[in-house]
Amino acid sequence: MDGNMITTVYLSSDHAGIELRQAVATHLADGGYKTVDLGPQAGESVDYPDYGARLAEAMQDDPASRGIAICGSGIGISIAANRFEWVRAALVNEVTAARLCREHNDANVLALGQRLTGIAVALDCVDTFMATPFEGGRHERRVNKLGQLRGINNQEQ
């Protein structure tokens, strides 16, 4: 386990990400992390927005947690999770992106695509994501702005 004081890692996927989600859960547990698997179970056909929301909602009251979101491409579930203001989900498919999403963007959710990323590479991305601290400094101002963004229809008038 790393020294970032991560309390829990929540994992969620749609039906196209079950195999990778289970591999990641085992890998994290073997590394000493407390994991919470939010499903779904094998054989169920489900919708990625529901499981992206399930992940975000689980993380809402646990700011020291991290999340792993997986679907076929990683795109849909990352979009769903990012609808929640406390989530900064980053879709990655290689280790440098996993490192930079933590260092520069303070990402708290790693999104992976089971159909696009092999298990070995995905586990390397998970290890990097979990071990990399946020750099802060000049990046902190930018990350703070993410929480202030609103679409034109959501702005107070």
N, C-alpha and C. Protein backbone atom coordinates (compact mmCIF):
# COMPACT_ATOMS: atom_id res chain seq x y z
N MET A 1 0.85 -1.18 0.00
CA MET A 1 0.00 0.00 0.00
C MET A 1 0.88 1.24 0.00
N ASP A 2 0.44 2.29 -0.65
CA ASP A 2 1.24 3.51 -0.71
C ASP A 2 0.97 4.40 0.50
N GLY A 3 1.64 5.51 0.57
CA GLY A 3 1.52 6.40 1.70
C GLY A 3 0.55 7.54 1.50
N ASN A 4 -0.35 7.45 0.55
CA ASN A 4 -1.27 8.55 0.27
C ASN A 4 -2.50 8.56 1.15
N MET A 5 -2.60 7.66 2.14
CA MET A 5 -3.74 7.59 3.05
C MET A 5 -5.07 7.34 2.34
N ILE A 6 -5.04 6.56 1.31
CA ILE A 6 -6.25 6.20 0.59
C ILE A 6 -7.01 5.21 1.46
N THR A 7 -8.27 5.54 1.75
CA THR A 7 -9.04 4.69 2.64
C THR A 7 -9.61 3.48 1.91
N THR A 8 -10.18 3.72 0.75
CA THR A 8 -10.90 2.68 0.03
C THR A 8 -10.76 2.91 -1.46
N VAL A 9 -10.75 1.82 -2.21
CA VAL A 9 -10.82 1.91 -3.67
C VAL A 9 -12.14 1.27 -4.09
N TYR A 10 -12.98 2.08 -4.72
CA TYR A 10 -14.26 1.60 -5.23
C TYR A 10 -14.08 1.20 -6.68
N LEU A 11 -14.65 0.05 -7.05
CA LEU A 11 -14.55 -0.44 -8.42
C LEU A 11 -15.93 -0.65 -9.00
N SER A 12 -16.09 -0.23 -10.24
CA SER A 12 -17.37 -0.37 -10.91
C SER A 12 -17.12 -0.56 -12.41
N SER A 13 -18.01 -1.29 -13.04
CA SER A 13 -17.90 -1.50 -14.49
C SER A 13 -19.29 -1.74 -15.06
N ASP A 14 -19.34 -1.80 -16.36
CA ASP A 14 -20.53 -2.35 -16.99
C ASP A 14 -20.21 -3.81 -17.31
N HIS A 15 -21.09 -4.47 -18.04
CA HIS A 15 -20.89 -5.88 -18.36
C HIS A 15 -19.65 -6.12 -19.22
N ALA A 16 -19.23 -5.11 -19.98
CA ALA A 16 -18.06 -5.26 -20.85
C ALA A 16 -16.74 -5.09 -20.12
N GLY A 17 -16.79 -4.80 -18.83
CA GLY A 17 -15.57 -4.59 -18.06
C GLY A 17 -15.40 -5.51 -16.87
N ILE A 18 -16.24 -6.52 -16.77
CA ILE A 18 -16.23 -7.39 -15.59
C ILE A 18 -14.90 -8.10 -15.40
N GLU A 19 -14.36 -8.69 -16.43
CA GLU A 19 -13.12 -9.45 -16.30
C GLU A 19 -11.98 -8.56 -15.80
N LEU A 20 -11.82 -7.41 -16.38
CA LEU A 20 -10.75 -6.49 -15.96
C LEU A 20 -11.02 -5.97 -14.56
N ARG A 21 -12.27 -5.66 -14.25
CA ARG A 21 -12.60 -5.18 -12.90
C ARG A 21 -12.22 -6.21 -11.85
N GLN A 22 -12.52 -7.46 -12.10
CA GLN A 22 -12.18 -8.52 -11.15
C GLN A 22 -10.67 -8.68 -11.01
N ALA A 23 -9.94 -8.57 -12.11
CA ALA A 23 -8.48 -8.66 -12.05
C ALA A 23 -7.90 -7.49 -11.25
N VAL A 24 -8.43 -6.30 -11.46
CA VAL A 24 -7.97 -5.12 -10.74
C VAL A 24 -8.30 -5.25 -9.25
N ALA A 25 -9.48 -5.72 -8.92
CA ALA A 25 -9.88 -5.89 -7.52
C ALA A 25 -8.94 -6.84 -6.80
N THR A 26 -8.63 -7.96 -7.42
CA THR A 26 -7.71 -8.93 -6.83
C THR A 26 -6.33 -8.32 -6.66
N HIS A 27 -5.86 -7.63 -7.68
CA HIS A 27 -4.54 -7.00 -7.66
C HIS A 27 -4.45 -5.97 -6.52
N LEU A 28 -5.46 -5.14 -6.37
CA LEU A 28 -5.46 -4.13 -5.32
C LEU A 28 -5.53 -4.77 -3.93
N ALA A 29 -6.38 -5.76 -3.78
CA ALA A 29 -6.48 -6.44 -2.49
C ALA A 29 -5.16 -7.11 -2.13
N ASP A 30 -4.51 -7.71 -3.11
CA ASP A 30 -3.19 -8.32 -2.89
C ASP A 30 -2.16 -7.27 -2.48
N GLY A 31 -2.36 -6.03 -2.91
CA GLY A 31 -1.47 -4.93 -2.56
C GLY A 31 -1.81 -4.26 -1.25
N GLY A 32 -2.82 -4.76 -0.55
CA GLY A 32 -3.16 -4.24 0.76
C GLY A 32 -4.25 -3.18 0.79
N TYR A 33 -4.86 -2.89 -0.34
CA TYR A 33 -5.92 -1.89 -0.38
C TYR A 33 -7.26 -2.50 0.01
N LYS A 34 -8.08 -1.70 0.68
CA LYS A 34 -9.46 -2.08 0.95
C LYS A 34 -10.24 -1.76 -0.33
N THR A 35 -10.92 -2.73 -0.88
CA THR A 35 -11.69 -2.51 -2.11
C THR A 35 -13.16 -2.77 -1.86
N VAL A 36 -13.98 -2.05 -2.60
CA VAL A 36 -15.42 -2.26 -2.60
C VAL A 36 -15.83 -2.44 -4.06
N ASP A 37 -16.30 -3.62 -4.38
CA ASP A 37 -16.72 -3.94 -5.75
C ASP A 37 -18.20 -3.62 -5.88
N LEU A 38 -18.51 -2.66 -6.74
CA LEU A 38 -19.88 -2.19 -6.91
C LEU A 38 -20.62 -2.89 -8.04
N GLY A 39 -19.99 -3.92 -8.63
CA GLY A 39 -20.66 -4.72 -9.64
C GLY A 39 -20.52 -4.18 -11.03
N PRO A 40 -21.23 -4.85 -11.90
CA PRO A 40 -22.27 -5.87 -11.76
C PRO A 40 -21.69 -7.28 -11.69
N GLN A 41 -22.58 -8.24 -11.52
CA GLN A 41 -22.18 -9.64 -11.53
C GLN A 41 -22.10 -10.13 -12.97
N ALA A 42 -21.34 -11.17 -13.18
CA ALA A 42 -21.19 -11.75 -14.52
C ALA A 42 -22.54 -12.19 -15.04
N GLY A 43 -22.72 -11.99 -16.33
CA GLY A 43 -23.95 -12.44 -16.99
C GLY A 43 -25.03 -11.38 -17.09
N GLU A 44 -24.91 -10.31 -16.32
CA GLU A 44 -25.89 -9.24 -16.38
C GLU A 44 -25.50 -8.27 -17.50
N SER A 45 -26.47 -7.84 -18.29
CA SER A 45 -26.24 -6.76 -19.23
C SER A 45 -26.74 -5.49 -18.56
N VAL A 46 -25.85 -4.52 -18.42
CA VAL A 46 -26.17 -3.30 -17.68
C VAL A 46 -25.75 -2.08 -18.48
N ASP A 47 -26.14 -0.92 -18.01
CA ASP A 47 -25.83 0.34 -18.67
C ASP A 47 -24.71 1.07 -17.93
N TYR A 48 -23.67 1.47 -18.66
CA TYR A 48 -22.52 2.13 -18.03
C TYR A 48 -22.88 3.40 -17.26
N PRO A 49 -23.88 4.21 -17.68
CA PRO A 49 -24.18 5.40 -16.86
C PRO A 49 -24.59 5.04 -15.43
N ASP A 50 -25.32 3.94 -15.28
CA ASP A 50 -25.75 3.54 -13.95
C ASP A 50 -24.56 3.18 -13.06
N TYR A 51 -23.57 2.53 -13.64
CA TYR A 51 -22.43 2.09 -12.85
C TYR A 51 -21.39 3.20 -12.67
N GLY A 52 -21.33 4.15 -13.57
CA GLY A 52 -20.52 5.35 -13.35
C GLY A 52 -21.10 6.17 -12.21
N ALA A 53 -22.43 6.28 -12.17
CA ALA A 53 -23.11 7.00 -11.09
C ALA A 53 -22.96 6.26 -9.77
N ARG A 54 -23.06 4.95 -9.79
CA ARG A 54 -22.91 4.16 -8.57
C ARG A 54 -21.52 4.40 -7.96
N LEU A 55 -20.50 4.44 -8.80
CA LEU A 55 -19.14 4.70 -8.33
C LEU A 55 -19.03 6.10 -7.72
N ALA A 56 -19.52 7.09 -8.44
CA ALA A 56 -19.45 8.47 -7.95
C ALA A 56 -20.18 8.63 -6.63
N GLU A 57 -21.36 8.06 -6.53
CA GLU A 57 -22.14 8.18 -5.30
C GLU A 57 -21.44 7.50 -4.13
N ALA A 58 -20.78 6.39 -4.37
CA ALA A 58 -20.05 5.70 -3.30
C ALA A 58 -18.89 6.55 -2.80
N MET A 59 -18.29 7.33 -3.68
CA MET A 59 -17.13 8.14 -3.33
C MET A 59 -17.50 9.49 -2.69
N GLN A 60 -18.75 9.89 -2.79
CA GLN A 60 -19.15 11.24 -2.37
C GLN A 60 -18.76 11.56 -0.93
N ASP A 61 -19.01 10.67 -0.02
CA ASP A 61 -18.74 10.93 1.39
C ASP A 61 -17.41 10.37 1.85
N ASP A 62 -16.54 10.02 0.91
CA ASP A 62 -15.24 9.42 1.22
C ASP A 62 -14.17 10.11 0.37
N PRO A 63 -13.83 11.37 0.70
CA PRO A 63 -12.89 12.12 -0.15
C PRO A 63 -11.49 11.54 -0.20
N ALA A 64 -11.14 10.66 0.72
CA ALA A 64 -9.82 10.03 0.70
C ALA A 64 -9.80 8.79 -0.17
N SER A 65 -10.91 8.47 -0.80
CA SER A 65 -10.99 7.26 -1.62
C SER A 65 -10.54 7.53 -3.04
N ARG A 66 -10.37 6.45 -3.76
CA ARG A 66 -10.14 6.49 -5.21
C ARG A 66 -11.14 5.54 -5.85
N GLY A 67 -11.29 5.68 -7.16
CA GLY A 67 -12.20 4.82 -7.89
C GLY A 67 -11.56 4.28 -9.16
N ILE A 68 -12.02 3.12 -9.56
CA ILE A 68 -11.62 2.51 -10.83
C ILE A 68 -12.92 2.22 -11.57
N ALA A 69 -13.06 2.81 -12.76
CA ALA A 69 -14.27 2.67 -13.58
C ALA A 69 -13.89 2.00 -14.89
N ILE A 70 -14.63 0.96 -15.26
CA ILE A 70 -14.27 0.19 -16.45
C ILE A 70 -15.51 -0.10 -17.28
N CYS A 71 -15.39 0.11 -18.57
CA CYS A 71 -16.39 -0.36 -19.52
C CYS A 71 -15.63 -0.86 -20.74
N GLY A 72 -16.31 -1.13 -21.82
CA GLY A 72 -15.63 -1.66 -23.00
C GLY A 72 -14.51 -0.78 -23.49
N SER A 73 -14.79 0.52 -23.63
CA SER A 73 -13.78 1.46 -24.10
C SER A 73 -13.24 2.33 -22.96
N GLY A 74 -13.97 2.44 -21.87
CA GLY A 74 -13.64 3.35 -20.80
C GLY A 74 -14.22 4.74 -21.01
N ILE A 75 -14.68 5.02 -22.21
CA ILE A 75 -15.18 6.36 -22.54
C ILE A 75 -16.51 6.64 -21.85
N GLY A 76 -17.48 5.78 -22.06
CA GLY A 76 -18.82 6.02 -21.53
C GLY A 76 -18.86 6.14 -20.02
N ILE A 77 -18.20 5.21 -19.33
CA ILE A 77 -18.24 5.23 -17.86
C ILE A 77 -17.48 6.42 -17.30
N SER A 78 -16.43 6.88 -18.01
CA SER A 78 -15.72 8.07 -17.53
C SER A 78 -16.58 9.32 -17.71
N ILE A 79 -17.31 9.40 -18.80
CA ILE A 79 -18.22 10.53 -18.99
C ILE A 79 -19.29 10.53 -17.91
N ALA A 80 -19.84 9.36 -17.62
CA ALA A 80 -20.88 9.25 -16.58
C ALA A 80 -20.35 9.68 -15.22
N ALA A 81 -19.19 9.18 -14.84
CA ALA A 81 -18.62 9.51 -13.53
C ALA A 81 -18.30 11.00 -13.43
N ASN A 82 -17.84 11.60 -14.51
CA ASN A 82 -17.48 13.02 -14.50
C ASN A 82 -18.68 13.95 -14.42
N ARG A 83 -19.89 13.43 -14.47
CA ARG A 83 -21.09 14.27 -14.29
C ARG A 83 -21.21 14.73 -12.84
N PHE A 84 -20.45 14.12 -11.94
CA PHE A 84 -20.53 14.44 -10.51
C PHE A 84 -19.37 15.35 -10.16
N GLU A 85 -19.66 16.46 -9.50
CA GLU A 85 -18.65 17.52 -9.31
C GLU A 85 -17.46 17.08 -8.48
N TRP A 86 -17.57 16.08 -7.65
CA TRP A 86 -16.45 15.64 -6.82
C TRP A 86 -15.57 14.60 -7.52
N VAL A 87 -15.94 14.21 -8.73
CA VAL A 87 -15.18 13.21 -9.47
C VAL A 87 -14.31 13.88 -10.52
N ARG A 88 -13.07 13.42 -10.59
CA ARG A 88 -12.16 13.80 -11.66
C ARG A 88 -11.66 12.49 -12.27
N ALA A 89 -12.44 11.97 -13.21
CA ALA A 89 -12.13 10.68 -13.83
C ALA A 89 -11.25 10.91 -15.06
N ALA A 90 -10.21 10.10 -15.18
CA ALA A 90 -9.30 10.19 -16.32
C ALA A 90 -9.24 8.85 -17.02
N LEU A 91 -9.53 8.86 -18.29
CA LEU A 91 -9.43 7.66 -19.12
C LEU A 91 -7.98 7.52 -19.58
N VAL A 92 -7.36 6.42 -19.24
CA VAL A 92 -5.96 6.18 -19.64
C VAL A 92 -5.83 4.81 -20.26
N ASN A 93 -4.78 4.67 -21.06
CA ASN A 93 -4.48 3.34 -21.63
C ASN A 93 -2.99 3.06 -21.62
N GLU A 94 -2.24 3.90 -20.89
CA GLU A 94 -0.80 3.65 -20.73
C GLU A 94 -0.31 4.38 -19.49
N VAL A 95 0.85 3.96 -19.00
CA VAL A 95 1.35 4.37 -17.69
C VAL A 95 1.64 5.86 -17.58
N THR A 96 2.17 6.48 -18.62
CA THR A 96 2.47 7.91 -18.53
C THR A 96 1.20 8.71 -18.27
N ALA A 97 0.12 8.39 -18.94
CA ALA A 97 -1.15 9.08 -18.71
C ALA A 97 -1.65 8.83 -17.29
N ALA A 98 -1.46 7.62 -16.78
CA ALA A 98 -1.87 7.31 -15.40
C ALA A 98 -1.09 8.16 -14.40
N ARG A 99 0.18 8.36 -14.66
CA ARG A 99 1.00 9.19 -13.77
C ARG A 99 0.59 10.66 -13.88
N LEU A 100 0.44 11.16 -15.09
CA LEU A 100 0.12 12.57 -15.28
C LEU A 100 -1.28 12.94 -14.78
N CYS A 101 -2.22 12.03 -14.90
CA CYS A 101 -3.57 12.36 -14.41
C CYS A 101 -3.58 12.56 -12.91
N ARG A 102 -2.66 11.92 -12.21
CA ARG A 102 -2.54 12.14 -10.76
C ARG A 102 -1.69 13.38 -10.48
N GLU A 103 -0.50 13.45 -11.10
CA GLU A 103 0.42 14.56 -10.82
C GLU A 103 -0.18 15.91 -11.16
N HIS A 104 -0.80 16.03 -12.31
CA HIS A 104 -1.25 17.33 -12.82
C HIS A 104 -2.74 17.59 -12.60
N ASN A 105 -3.56 16.55 -12.57
CA ASN A 105 -5.00 16.75 -12.53
C ASN A 105 -5.67 16.27 -11.26
N ASP A 106 -4.91 15.68 -10.36
CA ASP A 106 -5.44 15.14 -9.11
C ASP A 106 -6.65 14.24 -9.37
N ALA A 107 -6.57 13.44 -10.43
CA ALA A 107 -7.67 12.53 -10.77
C ALA A 107 -7.90 11.59 -9.59
N ASN A 108 -9.17 11.36 -9.27
CA ASN A 108 -9.50 10.43 -8.20
C ASN A 108 -10.19 9.18 -8.72
N VAL A 109 -10.45 9.15 -10.01
CA VAL A 109 -11.01 7.95 -10.66
C VAL A 109 -10.18 7.65 -11.89
N LEU A 110 -9.76 6.40 -11.99
CA LEU A 110 -9.06 5.90 -13.16
C LEU A 110 -10.06 5.14 -14.00
N ALA A 111 -10.21 5.53 -15.26
CA ALA A 111 -11.11 4.84 -16.17
C ALA A 111 -10.28 4.02 -17.16
N LEU A 112 -10.72 2.79 -17.36
CA LEU A 112 -10.03 1.87 -18.26
C LEU A 112 -11.03 1.23 -19.21
N GLY A 113 -10.54 0.85 -20.39
CA GLY A 113 -11.36 0.15 -21.36
C GLY A 113 -10.89 -1.28 -21.52
N GLN A 114 -11.72 -2.23 -21.12
CA GLN A 114 -11.33 -3.64 -21.20
C GLN A 114 -11.06 -4.08 -22.64
N ARG A 115 -11.79 -3.54 -23.60
CA ARG A 115 -11.60 -3.94 -24.99
C ARG A 115 -10.39 -3.29 -25.64
N LEU A 116 -9.81 -2.28 -24.98
CA LEU A 116 -8.72 -1.53 -25.58
C LEU A 116 -7.39 -1.67 -24.84
N THR A 117 -7.42 -2.15 -23.61
CA THR A 117 -6.22 -2.20 -22.80
C THR A 117 -6.07 -3.60 -22.21
N GLY A 118 -4.93 -4.22 -22.45
CA GLY A 118 -4.67 -5.55 -21.90
C GLY A 118 -4.55 -5.51 -20.39
N ILE A 119 -4.75 -6.65 -19.76
CA ILE A 119 -4.74 -6.71 -18.30
C ILE A 119 -3.40 -6.28 -17.72
N ALA A 120 -2.29 -6.73 -18.29
CA ALA A 120 -0.97 -6.37 -17.74
C ALA A 120 -0.75 -4.86 -17.78
N VAL A 121 -1.08 -4.23 -18.90
CA VAL A 121 -0.93 -2.78 -19.01
C VAL A 121 -1.89 -2.08 -18.05
N ALA A 122 -3.11 -2.57 -17.97
CA ALA A 122 -4.10 -1.97 -17.06
C ALA A 122 -3.61 -2.03 -15.62
N LEU A 123 -3.05 -3.14 -15.20
CA LEU A 123 -2.55 -3.26 -13.82
C LEU A 123 -1.37 -2.34 -13.58
N ASP A 124 -0.51 -2.16 -14.59
CA ASP A 124 0.58 -1.18 -14.46
C ASP A 124 0.01 0.23 -14.30
N CYS A 125 -1.05 0.54 -15.05
CA CYS A 125 -1.70 1.85 -14.92
C CYS A 125 -2.30 2.02 -13.53
N VAL A 126 -2.93 0.98 -13.01
CA VAL A 126 -3.51 1.03 -11.68
C VAL A 126 -2.43 1.28 -10.63
N ASP A 127 -1.33 0.54 -10.72
CA ASP A 127 -0.23 0.72 -9.76
C ASP A 127 0.30 2.15 -9.80
N THR A 128 0.48 2.68 -10.98
CA THR A 128 0.98 4.05 -11.13
C THR A 128 -0.02 5.05 -10.58
N PHE A 129 -1.28 4.89 -10.93
CA PHE A 129 -2.35 5.77 -10.44
C PHE A 129 -2.41 5.77 -8.91
N MET A 130 -2.30 4.61 -8.31
CA MET A 130 -2.40 4.51 -6.86
C MET A 130 -1.17 5.09 -6.15
N ALA A 131 -0.01 4.97 -6.76
CA ALA A 131 1.24 5.38 -6.10
C ALA A 131 1.62 6.83 -6.33
N THR A 132 1.02 7.47 -7.31
CA THR A 132 1.45 8.82 -7.70
C THR A 132 0.69 9.88 -6.92
N PRO A 133 1.42 10.77 -6.24
CA PRO A 133 0.75 11.86 -5.53
C PRO A 133 0.45 13.03 -6.48
N PHE A 134 -0.48 13.87 -6.06
CA PHE A 134 -0.77 15.12 -6.76
C PHE A 134 0.37 16.08 -6.50
N GLU A 135 0.89 16.71 -7.55
CA GLU A 135 2.01 17.62 -7.44
C GLU A 135 1.65 18.94 -6.78
N GLY A 136 0.41 19.37 -6.92
CA GLY A 136 0.01 20.66 -6.37
C GLY A 136 0.67 21.79 -7.13
N GLY A 137 1.08 22.84 -6.40
CA GLY A 137 1.74 23.97 -7.05
C GLY A 137 0.88 24.60 -8.11
N ARG A 138 1.47 24.82 -9.27
CA ARG A 138 0.75 25.48 -10.36
C ARG A 138 -0.48 24.69 -10.81
N HIS A 139 -0.47 23.39 -10.57
CA HIS A 139 -1.60 22.54 -10.98
C HIS A 139 -2.81 22.71 -10.06
N GLU A 140 -2.57 23.08 -8.81
CA GLU A 140 -3.67 23.20 -7.86
C GLU A 140 -4.68 24.26 -8.29
N ARG A 141 -4.20 25.39 -8.76
CA ARG A 141 -5.10 26.45 -9.24
C ARG A 141 -6.01 25.94 -10.36
N ARG A 142 -5.43 25.17 -11.25
CA ARG A 142 -6.20 24.65 -12.39
C ARG A 142 -7.21 23.61 -11.95
N VAL A 143 -6.81 22.73 -11.06
CA VAL A 143 -7.74 21.72 -10.56
C VAL A 143 -8.89 22.38 -9.81
N ASN A 144 -8.59 23.42 -9.02
CA ASN A 144 -9.65 24.14 -8.32
C ASN A 144 -10.66 24.74 -9.29
N LYS A 145 -10.20 25.18 -10.43
CA LYS A 145 -11.10 25.74 -11.43
C LYS A 145 -12.07 24.70 -11.98
N LEU A 146 -11.66 23.44 -12.00
CA LEU A 146 -12.55 22.39 -12.49
C LEU A 146 -13.85 22.34 -11.68
N GLY A 147 -13.74 22.54 -10.38
CA GLY A 147 -14.92 22.53 -9.52
C GLY A 147 -15.80 23.75 -9.69
N GLN A 148 -15.32 24.76 -10.38
CA GLN A 148 -16.08 26.00 -10.57
C GLN A 148 -16.74 26.08 -11.94
N LEU A 149 -16.42 25.17 -12.83
CA LEU A 149 -16.97 25.23 -14.18
C LEU A 149 -18.45 24.89 -14.18
N ARG A 150 -19.19 25.66 -14.95
CA ARG A 150 -20.61 25.41 -15.14
C ARG A 150 -20.95 25.68 -16.59
N GLY A 151 -21.85 24.89 -17.10
CA GLY A 151 -22.35 25.15 -18.43
C GLY A 151 -23.22 26.39 -18.44
N ILE A 152 -23.42 26.95 -19.60
CA ILE A 152 -24.18 28.20 -19.71
C ILE A 152 -25.58 28.07 -19.13
N ASN A 153 -26.21 26.90 -19.24
CA ASN A 153 -27.56 26.72 -18.72
C ASN A 153 -27.58 26.53 -17.21
N ASN A 154 -26.43 26.34 -16.59
CA ASN A 154 -26.39 26.12 -15.15
C ASN A 154 -25.90 27.35 -14.39
N GLN A 155 -25.56 28.41 -15.07
CA GLN A 155 -25.04 29.60 -14.41
C GLN A 155 -26.18 30.41 -13.80
N GLU A 156 -25.88 30.97 -12.63
CA GLU A 156 -26.87 31.87 -12.02
C GLU A 156 -26.94 33.14 -12.87
N GLN A 157 -28.12 33.66 -12.99
CA GLN A 157 -28.29 34.84 -13.83
C GLN A 157 -28.64 36.05 -13.02
